[in-house]
Amino acid sequence: MSTPDAASGTPRQDPADTPVDPAEPVAPERRAAAEPDRPAAEPAPAAAAAPEEASQDAPREPIVETVEREVVLQRSVRYGRVLIGGAVLGGVLAALACLFFPIDEDAEYTMAQAMGLMLLVGGAIGLCLGGVLALVLGRVAKRRSGGGVAIQADVR
């Protein structure tokens, strides 16, 4: 852990965090700080730890297992996107169609109210038509299924 030195503004290294080399002689105070769960009077087994570390650091060859499997590729439609697209398109077209029909001056509603109502009605109709279109596209996409070979590789 580094702590900033107030006088110089540079971080100081905590002596307990510095790595300890097992081959290097270490003062008992520093050994106790580096290994708090080990008693200070017990000698460190430096000779026994060195061969274990060497075997762990040696590069090992990875073991790769590959399996080939026959898979079926199936296409599908994203129903949510088609439904939302149909609702938006229907609402916009119905609101624009409202502009082509004039409103009498003595009517009890305004152009904005008429456009809002047509937006809702057109959105509902577009949602239904989008659902029918999504079902038809789903049936067409199911016919276009194919096969393939998938290769799964496990590396250990």
N, C-alpha and C. Protein backbone atom coordinates (compact mmCIF):
# COMPACT_ATOMS: atom_id res chain seq x y z
N MET A 1 0.85 -1.17 0.00
CA MET A 1 0.00 0.00 0.00
C MET A 1 0.89 1.23 0.00
N SER A 2 0.61 2.17 -0.81
CA SER A 2 1.40 3.39 -0.90
C SER A 2 0.68 4.49 -0.14
N THR A 3 1.44 5.22 0.65
CA THR A 3 0.89 6.37 1.36
C THR A 3 1.68 7.59 0.95
N PRO A 4 1.01 8.71 0.74
CA PRO A 4 1.76 9.90 0.31
C PRO A 4 2.59 10.46 1.45
N ASP A 5 3.78 10.89 1.12
CA ASP A 5 4.66 11.53 2.09
C ASP A 5 4.29 13.01 2.11
N ALA A 6 4.00 13.53 3.30
CA ALA A 6 3.52 14.91 3.40
C ALA A 6 4.59 15.91 2.99
N ALA A 7 5.86 15.62 3.26
CA ALA A 7 6.92 16.58 2.97
C ALA A 7 7.25 16.63 1.49
N SER A 8 7.37 15.47 0.84
CA SER A 8 7.83 15.48 -0.54
C SER A 8 6.70 15.36 -1.56
N GLY A 9 5.53 14.90 -1.15
CA GLY A 9 4.43 14.77 -2.09
C GLY A 9 4.50 13.51 -2.93
N THR A 10 5.50 12.66 -2.69
CA THR A 10 5.63 11.40 -3.44
C THR A 10 5.15 10.25 -2.57
N PRO A 11 4.63 9.21 -3.17
CA PRO A 11 4.16 8.09 -2.36
C PRO A 11 5.31 7.32 -1.76
N ARG A 12 5.12 6.82 -0.55
CA ARG A 12 6.08 5.99 0.14
C ARG A 12 5.58 4.56 0.10
N GLN A 13 6.47 3.62 -0.06
CA GLN A 13 6.12 2.19 -0.08
C GLN A 13 6.06 1.68 1.35
N ASP A 14 4.99 0.98 1.71
CA ASP A 14 4.85 0.39 3.02
C ASP A 14 5.77 -0.83 3.09
N PRO A 15 6.62 -0.98 4.10
CA PRO A 15 7.56 -2.11 4.14
C PRO A 15 6.85 -3.46 4.22
N ALA A 16 5.65 -3.51 4.76
CA ALA A 16 4.95 -4.79 4.87
C ALA A 16 4.46 -5.27 3.51
N ASP A 17 4.31 -4.36 2.53
CA ASP A 17 3.80 -4.74 1.21
C ASP A 17 4.88 -5.12 0.22
N THR A 18 6.14 -4.92 0.54
CA THR A 18 7.20 -5.25 -0.41
C THR A 18 7.35 -6.76 -0.49
N PRO A 19 7.57 -7.31 -1.68
CA PRO A 19 7.69 -8.76 -1.81
C PRO A 19 8.96 -9.26 -1.13
N VAL A 20 8.84 -10.44 -0.55
CA VAL A 20 9.96 -11.04 0.16
C VAL A 20 10.46 -12.22 -0.65
N ASP A 21 11.77 -12.23 -0.96
CA ASP A 21 12.40 -13.33 -1.67
C ASP A 21 12.76 -14.41 -0.66
N PRO A 22 12.31 -15.68 -0.83
CA PRO A 22 12.59 -16.71 0.17
C PRO A 22 14.08 -17.02 0.31
N ALA A 23 14.89 -16.78 -0.70
CA ALA A 23 16.31 -17.07 -0.63
C ALA A 23 17.08 -15.99 0.13
N GLU A 24 16.50 -14.81 0.29
CA GLU A 24 17.14 -13.68 0.92
C GLU A 24 16.92 -13.73 2.43
N PRO A 25 17.96 -13.47 3.26
CA PRO A 25 17.73 -13.43 4.71
C PRO A 25 16.88 -12.21 5.06
N VAL A 26 15.95 -12.42 5.98
CA VAL A 26 15.01 -11.37 6.34
C VAL A 26 15.06 -11.17 7.84
N ALA A 27 14.96 -9.91 8.25
CA ALA A 27 14.92 -9.60 9.68
C ALA A 27 13.65 -10.17 10.28
N PRO A 28 13.68 -10.62 11.55
CA PRO A 28 12.49 -11.21 12.17
C PRO A 28 11.30 -10.26 12.21
N GLU A 29 11.54 -8.95 12.38
CA GLU A 29 10.42 -7.99 12.42
C GLU A 29 9.72 -7.92 11.07
N ARG A 30 10.50 -7.93 10.00
CA ARG A 30 9.93 -7.85 8.66
C ARG A 30 9.21 -9.14 8.31
N ARG A 31 9.74 -10.29 8.73
CA ARG A 31 9.09 -11.57 8.46
C ARG A 31 7.74 -11.60 9.18
N ALA A 32 7.67 -11.09 10.40
CA ALA A 32 6.43 -11.08 11.16
C ALA A 32 5.42 -10.15 10.48
N ALA A 33 5.89 -9.05 9.89
CA ALA A 33 4.97 -8.13 9.20
C ALA A 33 4.48 -8.73 7.90
N ALA A 34 5.35 -9.47 7.20
CA ALA A 34 4.96 -10.04 5.91
C ALA A 34 4.07 -11.26 6.09
N GLU A 35 4.28 -12.03 7.16
CA GLU A 35 3.50 -13.25 7.40
C GLU A 35 2.91 -13.17 8.80
N PRO A 36 1.76 -12.52 8.99
CA PRO A 36 1.23 -12.31 10.34
C PRO A 36 0.73 -13.60 10.98
N ASP A 37 0.35 -14.62 10.22
CA ASP A 37 -0.20 -15.84 10.80
C ASP A 37 0.89 -16.82 11.23
N ARG A 38 2.15 -16.61 10.87
CA ARG A 38 3.25 -17.50 11.22
C ARG A 38 3.99 -16.92 12.42
N PRO A 39 4.33 -17.71 13.44
CA PRO A 39 5.10 -17.18 14.57
C PRO A 39 6.50 -16.75 14.12
N ALA A 40 7.05 -15.75 14.79
CA ALA A 40 8.34 -15.19 14.39
C ALA A 40 9.49 -16.13 14.71
N ALA A 41 9.38 -16.99 15.73
CA ALA A 41 10.47 -17.87 16.13
C ALA A 41 10.66 -19.03 15.17
N GLU A 42 9.65 -19.37 14.38
CA GLU A 42 9.74 -20.52 13.48
C GLU A 42 10.54 -20.14 12.24
N PRO A 43 11.53 -20.95 11.83
CA PRO A 43 12.31 -20.60 10.64
C PRO A 43 11.48 -20.83 9.37
N ALA A 44 11.72 -20.00 8.37
CA ALA A 44 10.99 -20.11 7.10
C ALA A 44 11.56 -21.27 6.30
N PRO A 45 10.72 -22.14 5.74
CA PRO A 45 11.21 -23.27 4.94
C PRO A 45 11.54 -22.81 3.54
N ALA A 46 12.68 -22.13 3.36
CA ALA A 46 13.06 -21.57 2.06
C ALA A 46 13.46 -22.65 1.09
N ALA A 47 14.13 -23.69 1.55
CA ALA A 47 14.59 -24.74 0.65
C ALA A 47 13.44 -25.58 0.12
N ALA A 48 12.39 -25.78 0.92
CA ALA A 48 11.26 -26.60 0.49
C ALA A 48 10.35 -25.82 -0.47
N ALA A 49 10.28 -24.49 -0.34
CA ALA A 49 9.37 -23.71 -1.17
C ALA A 49 9.93 -23.47 -2.56
N ALA A 50 11.23 -23.48 -2.73
CA ALA A 50 11.83 -23.16 -4.02
C ALA A 50 11.46 -24.16 -5.12
N PRO A 51 11.50 -25.49 -4.91
CA PRO A 51 11.14 -26.40 -6.00
C PRO A 51 9.66 -26.30 -6.38
N GLU A 52 8.78 -26.03 -5.42
CA GLU A 52 7.35 -25.91 -5.74
C GLU A 52 7.10 -24.70 -6.61
N GLU A 53 7.76 -23.57 -6.30
CA GLU A 53 7.59 -22.36 -7.10
C GLU A 53 8.13 -22.55 -8.50
N ALA A 54 9.23 -23.28 -8.63
CA ALA A 54 9.81 -23.50 -9.95
C ALA A 54 8.89 -24.34 -10.81
N SER A 55 8.20 -25.31 -10.20
CA SER A 55 7.30 -26.14 -11.00
C SER A 55 6.04 -25.39 -11.39
N GLN A 56 5.62 -24.41 -10.57
CA GLN A 56 4.43 -23.63 -10.91
C GLN A 56 4.74 -22.60 -11.97
N ASP A 57 5.95 -22.08 -12.01
CA ASP A 57 6.32 -21.06 -12.98
C ASP A 57 6.66 -21.65 -14.34
N ALA A 58 6.91 -22.94 -14.43
CA ALA A 58 7.28 -23.55 -15.71
C ALA A 58 6.08 -23.51 -16.65
N PRO A 59 6.31 -23.13 -17.91
CA PRO A 59 5.18 -23.07 -18.85
C PRO A 59 4.64 -24.47 -19.15
N ARG A 60 3.33 -24.59 -19.08
CA ARG A 60 2.69 -25.86 -19.38
C ARG A 60 2.03 -25.77 -20.74
N GLU A 61 1.97 -26.89 -21.41
CA GLU A 61 1.33 -26.97 -22.72
C GLU A 61 -0.18 -27.05 -22.52
N PRO A 62 -0.97 -26.18 -23.16
CA PRO A 62 -2.42 -26.23 -22.97
C PRO A 62 -3.02 -27.50 -23.60
N ILE A 63 -4.03 -28.02 -22.97
CA ILE A 63 -4.74 -29.20 -23.47
C ILE A 63 -5.99 -28.70 -24.19
N VAL A 64 -6.10 -29.00 -25.47
CA VAL A 64 -7.23 -28.55 -26.28
C VAL A 64 -8.05 -29.76 -26.69
N GLU A 65 -9.34 -29.73 -26.35
CA GLU A 65 -10.27 -30.78 -26.76
C GLU A 65 -11.27 -30.17 -27.73
N THR A 66 -11.38 -30.73 -28.92
CA THR A 66 -12.34 -30.22 -29.90
C THR A 66 -13.39 -31.27 -30.17
N VAL A 67 -14.64 -30.82 -30.28
CA VAL A 67 -15.77 -31.70 -30.56
C VAL A 67 -16.56 -31.07 -31.70
N GLU A 68 -16.84 -31.84 -32.73
CA GLU A 68 -17.66 -31.35 -33.84
C GLU A 68 -19.07 -31.87 -33.65
N ARG A 69 -20.04 -30.97 -33.80
CA ARG A 69 -21.44 -31.34 -33.62
C ARG A 69 -22.25 -30.84 -34.79
N GLU A 70 -23.21 -31.62 -35.18
CA GLU A 70 -24.17 -31.26 -36.23
C GLU A 70 -25.24 -30.38 -35.60
N VAL A 71 -25.45 -29.18 -36.13
CA VAL A 71 -26.44 -28.25 -35.57
C VAL A 71 -27.42 -27.81 -36.65
N VAL A 72 -28.60 -27.38 -36.21
CA VAL A 72 -29.62 -26.86 -37.13
C VAL A 72 -29.67 -25.35 -36.95
N LEU A 73 -29.49 -24.62 -38.04
CA LEU A 73 -29.54 -23.17 -38.03
C LEU A 73 -30.97 -22.74 -38.35
N GLN A 74 -31.56 -21.99 -37.43
CA GLN A 74 -32.96 -21.60 -37.61
C GLN A 74 -33.06 -20.09 -37.49
N ARG A 75 -33.67 -19.47 -38.48
CA ARG A 75 -33.86 -18.03 -38.48
C ARG A 75 -35.16 -17.70 -37.78
N SER A 76 -35.23 -16.52 -37.20
CA SER A 76 -36.46 -16.09 -36.55
C SER A 76 -36.64 -14.59 -36.72
N VAL A 77 -37.84 -14.15 -36.50
CA VAL A 77 -38.20 -12.74 -36.65
C VAL A 77 -38.17 -12.11 -35.26
N ARG A 78 -37.74 -10.87 -35.19
CA ARG A 78 -37.81 -10.13 -33.93
C ARG A 78 -39.19 -9.49 -33.86
N TYR A 79 -40.08 -10.18 -33.17
CA TYR A 79 -41.49 -9.77 -33.15
C TYR A 79 -41.69 -8.40 -32.54
N GLY A 80 -40.98 -8.09 -31.47
CA GLY A 80 -41.14 -6.80 -30.81
C GLY A 80 -40.82 -5.63 -31.73
N ARG A 81 -39.77 -5.77 -32.50
CA ARG A 81 -39.39 -4.67 -33.41
C ARG A 81 -40.41 -4.49 -34.52
N VAL A 82 -40.95 -5.59 -35.03
CA VAL A 82 -41.96 -5.48 -36.10
C VAL A 82 -43.24 -4.88 -35.55
N LEU A 83 -43.64 -5.27 -34.33
CA LEU A 83 -44.85 -4.72 -33.73
C LEU A 83 -44.71 -3.22 -33.45
N ILE A 84 -43.60 -2.82 -32.90
CA ILE A 84 -43.39 -1.39 -32.60
C ILE A 84 -43.31 -0.59 -33.89
N GLY A 85 -42.63 -1.13 -34.89
CA GLY A 85 -42.56 -0.44 -36.18
C GLY A 85 -43.93 -0.27 -36.82
N GLY A 86 -44.77 -1.31 -36.74
CA GLY A 86 -46.13 -1.21 -37.29
C GLY A 86 -46.97 -0.19 -36.55
N ALA A 87 -46.85 -0.14 -35.23
CA ALA A 87 -47.64 0.81 -34.44
C ALA A 87 -47.22 2.25 -34.76
N VAL A 88 -45.92 2.49 -34.83
CA VAL A 88 -45.43 3.85 -35.12
C VAL A 88 -45.84 4.27 -36.53
N LEU A 89 -45.66 3.38 -37.49
CA LEU A 89 -46.01 3.71 -38.87
C LEU A 89 -47.51 3.96 -39.02
N GLY A 90 -48.33 3.13 -38.39
CA GLY A 90 -49.78 3.33 -38.46
C GLY A 90 -50.22 4.62 -37.81
N GLY A 91 -49.61 4.95 -36.65
CA GLY A 91 -49.97 6.20 -35.97
C GLY A 91 -49.59 7.42 -36.78
N VAL A 92 -48.40 7.41 -37.35
CA VAL A 92 -47.95 8.57 -38.14
C VAL A 92 -48.80 8.73 -39.40
N LEU A 93 -49.09 7.63 -40.09
CA LEU A 93 -49.91 7.73 -41.30
C LEU A 93 -51.32 8.22 -40.99
N ALA A 94 -51.90 7.75 -39.88
CA ALA A 94 -53.26 8.20 -39.52
C ALA A 94 -53.26 9.67 -39.13
N ALA A 95 -52.23 10.13 -38.41
CA ALA A 95 -52.17 11.54 -38.03
C ALA A 95 -51.97 12.42 -39.25
N LEU A 96 -51.17 11.97 -40.21
CA LEU A 96 -50.99 12.76 -41.44
C LEU A 96 -52.25 12.76 -42.29
N ALA A 97 -52.98 11.65 -42.29
CA ALA A 97 -54.23 11.60 -43.06
C ALA A 97 -55.26 12.56 -42.49
N CYS A 98 -55.18 12.85 -41.21
CA CYS A 98 -56.11 13.78 -40.58
C CYS A 98 -55.94 15.19 -41.14
N LEU A 99 -54.74 15.50 -41.63
CA LEU A 99 -54.49 16.84 -42.17
C LEU A 99 -55.23 17.08 -43.49
N PHE A 100 -55.57 16.02 -44.19
CA PHE A 100 -56.22 16.18 -45.50
C PHE A 100 -57.71 16.43 -45.41
N PHE A 101 -58.28 16.27 -44.23
CA PHE A 101 -59.72 16.51 -44.07
C PHE A 101 -59.93 17.76 -43.23
N PRO A 102 -60.61 18.74 -43.79
CA PRO A 102 -60.79 20.00 -43.06
C PRO A 102 -61.78 19.83 -41.88
N ILE A 103 -61.61 20.67 -40.88
CA ILE A 103 -62.49 20.65 -39.70
C ILE A 103 -63.34 21.92 -39.77
N ASP A 104 -64.63 21.75 -39.51
CA ASP A 104 -65.54 22.91 -39.51
C ASP A 104 -65.15 23.86 -38.37
N GLU A 105 -65.42 25.14 -38.60
CA GLU A 105 -65.09 26.14 -37.59
C GLU A 105 -65.97 26.02 -36.36
N ASP A 106 -67.18 25.52 -36.51
CA ASP A 106 -68.07 25.40 -35.36
C ASP A 106 -67.99 24.01 -34.71
N ALA A 107 -66.94 23.23 -35.00
CA ALA A 107 -66.79 21.89 -34.41
C ALA A 107 -66.37 22.01 -32.95
N GLU A 108 -66.68 20.98 -32.17
CA GLU A 108 -66.38 20.97 -30.74
C GLU A 108 -64.97 20.43 -30.43
N TYR A 109 -64.17 20.21 -31.43
CA TYR A 109 -62.82 19.69 -31.23
C TYR A 109 -61.86 20.45 -32.14
N THR A 110 -60.59 20.40 -31.78
CA THR A 110 -59.57 21.11 -32.55
C THR A 110 -58.83 20.10 -33.44
N MET A 111 -57.96 20.63 -34.28
CA MET A 111 -57.15 19.78 -35.16
C MET A 111 -56.21 18.89 -34.34
N ALA A 112 -55.63 19.42 -33.25
CA ALA A 112 -54.72 18.64 -32.41
C ALA A 112 -55.45 17.47 -31.75
N GLN A 113 -56.70 17.70 -31.32
CA GLN A 113 -57.47 16.62 -30.71
C GLN A 113 -57.79 15.54 -31.74
N ALA A 114 -58.12 15.96 -32.95
CA ALA A 114 -58.42 14.99 -34.01
C ALA A 114 -57.16 14.19 -34.38
N MET A 115 -56.02 14.88 -34.44
CA MET A 115 -54.77 14.17 -34.76
C MET A 115 -54.39 13.19 -33.66
N GLY A 116 -54.60 13.55 -32.40
CA GLY A 116 -54.30 12.65 -31.28
C GLY A 116 -55.17 11.40 -31.32
N LEU A 117 -56.45 11.58 -31.60
CA LEU A 117 -57.35 10.43 -31.69
C LEU A 117 -56.95 9.53 -32.86
N MET A 118 -56.66 10.12 -34.00
CA MET A 118 -56.26 9.32 -35.16
C MET A 118 -54.91 8.64 -34.94
N LEU A 119 -54.03 9.30 -34.17
CA LEU A 119 -52.74 8.69 -33.84
C LEU A 119 -52.96 7.41 -33.03
N LEU A 120 -53.87 7.45 -32.06
CA LEU A 120 -54.16 6.26 -31.25
C LEU A 120 -54.82 5.16 -32.07
N VAL A 121 -55.81 5.55 -32.87
CA VAL A 121 -56.52 4.55 -33.68
C VAL A 121 -55.57 3.96 -34.73
N GLY A 122 -54.80 4.81 -35.38
CA GLY A 122 -53.86 4.33 -36.39
C GLY A 122 -52.76 3.47 -35.76
N GLY A 123 -52.33 3.82 -34.55
CA GLY A 123 -51.33 3.01 -33.86
C GLY A 123 -51.86 1.62 -33.54
N ALA A 124 -53.11 1.53 -33.10
CA ALA A 124 -53.70 0.23 -32.80
C ALA A 124 -53.85 -0.62 -34.06
N ILE A 125 -54.28 0.01 -35.14
CA ILE A 125 -54.43 -0.73 -36.41
C ILE A 125 -53.05 -1.16 -36.92
N GLY A 126 -52.06 -0.27 -36.84
CA GLY A 126 -50.70 -0.61 -37.26
C GLY A 126 -50.10 -1.72 -36.42
N LEU A 127 -50.42 -1.75 -35.14
CA LEU A 127 -49.95 -2.81 -34.25
C LEU A 127 -50.52 -4.16 -34.68
N CYS A 128 -51.80 -4.19 -35.00
CA CYS A 128 -52.41 -5.45 -35.46
C CYS A 128 -51.83 -5.89 -36.80
N LEU A 129 -51.68 -4.97 -37.73
CA LEU A 129 -51.11 -5.33 -39.03
C LEU A 129 -49.64 -5.74 -38.89
N GLY A 130 -48.91 -5.11 -38.00
CA GLY A 130 -47.52 -5.50 -37.74
C GLY A 130 -47.44 -6.90 -37.16
N GLY A 131 -48.40 -7.27 -36.30
CA GLY A 131 -48.43 -8.62 -35.74
C GLY A 131 -48.68 -9.66 -36.81
N VAL A 132 -49.62 -9.37 -37.72
CA VAL A 132 -49.89 -10.31 -38.81
C VAL A 132 -48.66 -10.43 -39.72
N LEU A 133 -48.02 -9.31 -40.02
CA LEU A 133 -46.81 -9.34 -40.84
C LEU A 133 -45.70 -10.12 -40.16
N ALA A 134 -45.55 -9.98 -38.84
CA ALA A 134 -44.51 -10.71 -38.11
C ALA A 134 -44.78 -12.21 -38.15
N LEU A 135 -46.04 -12.62 -38.04
CA LEU A 135 -46.36 -14.05 -38.10
C LEU A 135 -46.05 -14.62 -39.48
N VAL A 136 -46.39 -13.86 -40.53
CA VAL A 136 -46.10 -14.33 -41.89
C VAL A 136 -44.59 -14.42 -42.11
N LEU A 137 -43.87 -13.41 -41.68
CA LEU A 137 -42.41 -13.43 -41.83
C LEU A 137 -41.78 -14.56 -41.00
N GLY A 138 -42.36 -14.87 -39.86
CA GLY A 138 -41.87 -15.98 -39.05
C GLY A 138 -42.03 -17.32 -39.75
N ARG A 139 -43.17 -17.51 -40.43
CA ARG A 139 -43.39 -18.76 -41.18
C ARG A 139 -42.43 -18.87 -42.36
N VAL A 140 -42.19 -17.77 -43.04
CA VAL A 140 -41.25 -17.78 -44.17
C VAL A 140 -39.83 -18.07 -43.67
N ALA A 141 -39.46 -17.49 -42.56
CA ALA A 141 -38.11 -17.68 -42.03
C ALA A 141 -37.91 -19.11 -41.53
N LYS A 142 -38.96 -19.77 -41.02
CA LYS A 142 -38.82 -21.14 -40.55
C LYS A 142 -38.54 -22.11 -41.68
N ARG A 143 -39.03 -21.82 -42.85
CA ARG A 143 -38.78 -22.69 -44.01
C ARG A 143 -37.32 -22.63 -44.43
N ARG A 144 -36.66 -21.54 -44.12
CA ARG A 144 -35.27 -21.36 -44.56
C ARG A 144 -34.29 -21.83 -43.49
N SER A 145 -34.57 -22.92 -42.82
CA SER A 145 -33.62 -23.44 -41.84
C SER A 145 -32.60 -24.31 -42.56
N GLY A 146 -31.43 -24.38 -42.03
CA GLY A 146 -30.36 -25.15 -42.65
C GLY A 146 -29.55 -25.89 -41.60
N GLY A 147 -28.56 -26.59 -42.05
CA GLY A 147 -27.71 -27.34 -41.13
C GLY A 147 -26.29 -26.86 -41.20
N GLY A 148 -25.53 -27.24 -40.23
CA GLY A 148 -24.13 -26.85 -40.20
C GLY A 148 -23.37 -27.67 -39.20
N VAL A 149 -22.07 -27.47 -39.15
CA VAL A 149 -21.21 -28.17 -38.21
C VAL A 149 -20.60 -27.13 -37.29
N ALA A 150 -20.81 -27.31 -35.99
CA ALA A 150 -20.23 -26.41 -34.99
C ALA A 150 -19.05 -27.11 -34.35
N ILE A 151 -17.95 -26.38 -34.19
CA ILE A 151 -16.75 -26.94 -33.57
C ILE A 151 -16.60 -26.28 -32.20
N GLN A 152 -16.65 -27.09 -31.16
CA GLN A 152 -16.49 -26.60 -29.81
C GLN A 152 -15.09 -26.97 -29.32
N ALA A 153 -14.34 -25.97 -28.88
CA ALA A 153 -12.97 -26.20 -28.41
C ALA A 153 -12.88 -25.83 -26.94
N ASP A 154 -12.45 -26.78 -26.11
CA ASP A 154 -12.23 -26.53 -24.69
C ASP A 154 -10.73 -26.52 -24.43
N VAL A 155 -10.23 -25.44 -23.85
CA VAL A 155 -8.80 -25.32 -23.57
C VAL A 155 -8.64 -25.36 -22.04
N ARG A 156 -7.79 -26.25 -21.60
CA ARG A 156 -7.54 -26.39 -20.16
C ARG A 156 -6.08 -26.24 -19.87
